[in-house]
Amino acid sequence: MAPGEMNPYKERLLALRARLRSDVSQMANAALERTPAEASGDLSIMPLPMADVASDDYEREFALGLVESKDQTLRQIEEALERMEAGVCATCKVCEAKIPKARLNAVPYTTLCVKCASQIELA
């Protein structure tokens, strides 16, 4: 794909990266800064019931799992931007075929064509 053709994908990747960075930052701050008492709105010195503590722990772990998932996507976006700079983007890393524009529109940071991605998922 010609360098000029990659500009729309690069712009989408940059916008997605900015949005994900903001999301990750907000979720990480929310999950890590609040104590279980603050999260429940209880600011008294009385101990929290165990069920409340377990619920707060679950919510914190869930949020941190989302942060990790979004962080992985951010790494994939960074790698896609590096491939664009190197001029080796839009090529499947398995079969080395050209990745169709429709696939790049759906997942601009992909490294696989649809055929190879589906084969990997089935394996």
C-alpha atoms as a PDB file:
ATOM      1  CA  MET A   1       0.000   0.000   0.000  1.00  0.00           C
ATOM      2  CA  ALA A   2       1.315   3.416  -0.929  1.00  0.00           C
ATOM      3  CA  PRO A   3       2.340   5.725   1.934  1.00  0.00           C
ATOM      4  CA  GLY A   4      -0.412   8.216   1.093  1.00  0.00           C
ATOM      5  CA  GLU A   5      -3.028   5.485   1.320  1.00  0.00           C
ATOM      6  CA  MET A   6      -1.974   4.737   4.891  1.00  0.00           C
ATOM      7  CA  ASN A   7      -2.718   8.245   6.198  1.00  0.00           C
ATOM      8  CA  PRO A   8      -6.373   7.562   7.091  1.00  0.00           C
ATOM      9  CA  TYR A   9      -5.344   4.417   8.985  1.00  0.00           C
ATOM     10  CA  LYS A  10      -2.549   6.262  10.756  1.00  0.00           C
ATOM     11  CA  GLU A  11      -4.966   8.997  11.824  1.00  0.00           C
ATOM     12  CA  ARG A  12      -7.401   6.376  13.143  1.00  0.00           C
ATOM     13  CA  LEU A  13      -4.612   4.648  15.037  1.00  0.00           C
ATOM     14  CA  LEU A  14      -3.443   7.918  16.589  1.00  0.00           C
ATOM     15  CA  ALA A  15      -6.995   8.809  17.656  1.00  0.00           C
ATOM     16  CA  LEU A  16      -7.589   5.321  19.047  1.00  0.00           C
ATOM     17  CA  ARG A  17      -4.272   5.450  20.904  1.00  0.00           C
ATOM     18  CA  ALA A  18      -5.176   8.793  22.492  1.00  0.00           C
ATOM     19  CA  ARG A  19      -8.592   7.534  23.554  1.00  0.00           C
ATOM     20  CA  LEU A  20      -7.228   4.288  24.994  1.00  0.00           C
ATOM     21  CA  ARG A  21      -4.452   6.094  26.875  1.00  0.00           C
ATOM     22  CA  SER A  22      -7.066   8.318  28.494  1.00  0.00           C
ATOM     23  CA  ASP A  23      -9.296   5.342  29.326  1.00  0.00           C
ATOM     24  CA  VAL A  24      -6.409   3.363  30.814  1.00  0.00           C
ATOM     25  CA  SER A  25      -5.280   6.294  32.909  1.00  0.00           C
ATOM     26  CA  GLN A  26      -8.768   6.980  34.263  1.00  0.00           C
ATOM     27  CA  MET A  27      -9.529   3.317  35.009  1.00  0.00           C
ATOM     28  CA  ALA A  28      -6.178   2.706  36.673  1.00  0.00           C
ATOM     29  CA  ASN A  29      -6.554   5.795  38.838  1.00  0.00           C
ATOM     30  CA  ALA A  30     -10.093   4.857  39.827  1.00  0.00           C
ATOM     31  CA  ALA A  31      -9.121   1.274  40.646  1.00  0.00           C
ATOM     32  CA  LEU A  32      -5.943   2.008  42.545  1.00  0.00           C
ATOM     33  CA  GLU A  33      -6.563   5.275  44.369  1.00  0.00           C
ATOM     34  CA  ARG A  34      -9.755   4.495  46.232  1.00  0.00           C
ATOM     35  CA  THR A  35      -9.857   2.428  49.386  1.00  0.00           C
ATOM     36  CA  PRO A  36     -12.753  -0.003  49.809  1.00  0.00           C
ATOM     37  CA  ALA A  37     -14.392   2.384  52.291  1.00  0.00           C
ATOM     38  CA  GLU A  38     -14.151   5.322  49.887  1.00  0.00           C
ATOM     39  CA  ALA A  39     -15.483   3.207  47.033  1.00  0.00           C
ATOM     40  CA  SER A  40     -18.568   2.258  49.062  1.00  0.00           C
ATOM     41  CA  GLY A  41     -19.115   5.829  50.244  1.00  0.00           C
ATOM     42  CA  ASP A  42     -18.588   4.786  53.851  1.00  0.00           C
ATOM     43  CA  LEU A  43     -16.116   7.164  55.458  1.00  0.00           C
ATOM     44  CA  SER A  44     -16.719   6.032  59.043  1.00  0.00           C
ATOM     45  CA  ILE A  45     -14.149   4.165  61.091  1.00  0.00           C
ATOM     46  CA  MET A  46     -16.375   1.084  61.396  1.00  0.00           C
ATOM     47  CA  PRO A  47     -15.045  -1.981  59.565  1.00  0.00           C
ATOM     48  CA  LEU A  48     -16.742  -2.939  56.326  1.00  0.00           C
ATOM     49  CA  PRO A  49     -18.686  -6.189  56.096  1.00  0.00           C
ATOM     50  CA  MET A  50     -16.712  -8.955  54.381  1.00  0.00           C
ATOM     51  CA  ALA A  51     -19.192  -9.088  51.487  1.00  0.00           C
ATOM     52  CA  ASP A  52     -18.570  -5.410  50.761  1.00  0.00           C
ATOM     53  CA  VAL A  53     -14.817  -5.915  50.858  1.00  0.00           C
ATOM     54  CA  ALA A  54     -15.075  -8.901  48.503  1.00  0.00           C
ATOM     55  CA  SER A  55     -17.295  -6.941  46.118  1.00  0.00           C
ATOM     56  CA  ASP A  56     -14.883  -4.013  46.116  1.00  0.00           C
ATOM     57  CA  ASP A  57     -11.961  -6.360  45.504  1.00  0.00           C
ATOM     58  CA  TYR A  58     -13.799  -7.987  42.596  1.00  0.00           C
ATOM     59  CA  GLU A  59     -14.598  -4.607  41.033  1.00  0.00           C
ATOM     60  CA  ARG A  60     -10.986  -3.493  41.425  1.00  0.00           C
ATOM     61  CA  GLU A  61      -9.664  -6.722  39.857  1.00  0.00           C
ATOM     62  CA  PHE A  62     -12.174  -6.424  37.019  1.00  0.00           C
ATOM     63  CA  ALA A  63     -11.117  -2.837  36.324  1.00  0.00           C
ATOM     64  CA  LEU A  64      -7.439  -3.808  36.391  1.00  0.00           C
ATOM     65  CA  GLY A  65      -8.195  -6.639  33.943  1.00  0.00           C
ATOM     66  CA  LEU A  66      -9.768  -4.107  31.584  1.00  0.00           C
ATOM     67  CA  VAL A  67      -6.729  -1.886  31.969  1.00  0.00           C
ATOM     68  CA  GLU A  68      -4.467  -4.810  31.038  1.00  0.00           C
ATOM     69  CA  SER A  69      -6.581  -5.613  27.972  1.00  0.00           C
ATOM     70  CA  LYS A  70      -6.560  -2.008  26.791  1.00  0.00           C
ATOM     71  CA  ASP A  71      -2.836  -1.831  27.492  1.00  0.00           C
ATOM     72  CA  GLN A  72      -2.297  -4.823  25.208  1.00  0.00           C
ATOM     73  CA  THR A  73      -4.294  -3.085  22.478  1.00  0.00           C
ATOM     74  CA  LEU A  74      -2.152   0.014  22.983  1.00  0.00           C
ATOM     75  CA  ARG A  75       0.981  -2.069  22.407  1.00  0.00           C
ATOM     76  CA  GLN A  76      -0.539  -3.445  19.196  1.00  0.00           C
ATOM     77  CA  ILE A  77      -1.323   0.094  18.052  1.00  0.00           C
ATOM     78  CA  GLU A  78       2.238   1.226  18.783  1.00  0.00           C
ATOM     79  CA  GLU A  79       3.584  -1.726  16.794  1.00  0.00           C
ATOM     80  CA  ALA A  80       1.253  -0.890  13.890  1.00  0.00           C
ATOM     81  CA  LEU A  81       2.485   2.713  13.870  1.00  0.00           C
ATOM     82  CA  GLU A  82       6.087   1.463  13.859  1.00  0.00           C
ATOM     83  CA  ARG A  83       5.296  -0.846  10.925  1.00  0.00           C
ATOM     84  CA  MET A  84       3.804   2.119   9.067  1.00  0.00           C
ATOM     85  CA  GLU A  85       6.958   4.146   9.618  1.00  0.00           C
ATOM     86  CA  ALA A  86       9.048   1.215   8.364  1.00  0.00           C
ATOM     87  CA  GLY A  87       6.792   0.797   5.333  1.00  0.00           C
ATOM     88  CA  VAL A  88       5.890  -2.817   6.106  1.00  0.00           C
ATOM     89  CA  CYS A  89       2.287  -2.392   7.122  1.00  0.00           C
ATOM     90  CA  ALA A  90      -0.791  -4.037   5.584  1.00  0.00           C
ATOM     91  CA  THR A  91       1.044  -7.322   5.092  1.00  0.00           C
ATOM     92  CA  CYS A  92      -0.032 -10.512   6.884  1.00  0.00           C
ATOM     93  CA  LYS A  93       2.754 -11.724   9.167  1.00  0.00           C
ATOM     94  CA  VAL A  94       1.862 -15.373   8.473  1.00  0.00           C
ATOM     95  CA  CYS A  95       1.210 -15.678   4.740  1.00  0.00           C
ATOM     96  CA  GLU A  96       2.706 -12.303   3.723  1.00  0.00           C
ATOM     97  CA  ALA A  97      -0.371 -11.508   1.621  1.00  0.00           C
ATOM     98  CA  LYS A  98      -1.707  -7.974   1.434  1.00  0.00           C
ATOM     99  CA  ILE A  99      -4.264  -7.284   4.174  1.00  0.00           C
ATOM    100  CA  PRO A 100      -7.455  -5.960   2.522  1.00  0.00           C
ATOM    101  CA  LYS A 101      -8.615  -2.414   3.267  1.00  0.00           C
ATOM    102  CA  ALA A 102     -11.894  -3.753   4.673  1.00  0.00           C
ATOM    103  CA  ARG A 103      -9.918  -5.667   7.306  1.00  0.00           C
ATOM    104  CA  LEU A 104      -7.807  -2.601   8.112  1.00  0.00           C
ATOM    105  CA  ASN A 105     -10.983  -0.548   8.450  1.00  0.00           C
ATOM    106  CA  ALA A 106     -12.282  -3.022  11.007  1.00  0.00           C
ATOM    107  CA  VAL A 107      -9.004  -3.556  12.903  1.00  0.00           C
ATOM    108  CA  PRO A 108      -6.413  -0.964  11.842  1.00  0.00           C
ATOM    109  CA  TYR A 109      -3.686  -2.498  14.042  1.00  0.00           C
ATOM    110  CA  THR A 110      -4.093  -6.054  12.766  1.00  0.00           C
ATOM    111  CA  THR A 111      -1.109  -8.122  11.689  1.00  0.00           C
ATOM    112  CA  LEU A 112      -3.131 -10.918  10.091  1.00  0.00           C
ATOM    113  CA  CYS A 113      -5.395 -11.321   7.094  1.00  0.00           C
ATOM    114  CA  VAL A 114      -8.863 -12.746   7.759  1.00  0.00           C
ATOM    115  CA  LYS A 115      -7.906 -16.227   6.580  1.00  0.00           C
ATOM    116  CA  CYS A 116      -4.866 -16.524   8.842  1.00  0.00           C
ATOM    117  CA  ALA A 117      -6.682 -14.952  11.802  1.00  0.00           C
ATOM    118  CA  SER A 118      -9.545 -17.439  11.502  1.00  0.00           C
ATOM    119  CA  GLN A 119      -7.114 -20.361  11.221  1.00  0.00           C
ATOM    120  CA  ILE A 120      -5.302 -19.243  14.364  1.00  0.00           C
ATOM    121  CA  GLU A 121      -8.587 -18.845  16.260  1.00  0.00           C
ATOM    122  CA  LEU A 122      -9.690 -22.349  15.263  1.00  0.00           C
ATOM    123  CA  ALA A 123      -6.399 -23.924  16.310  1.00  0.00           C
END
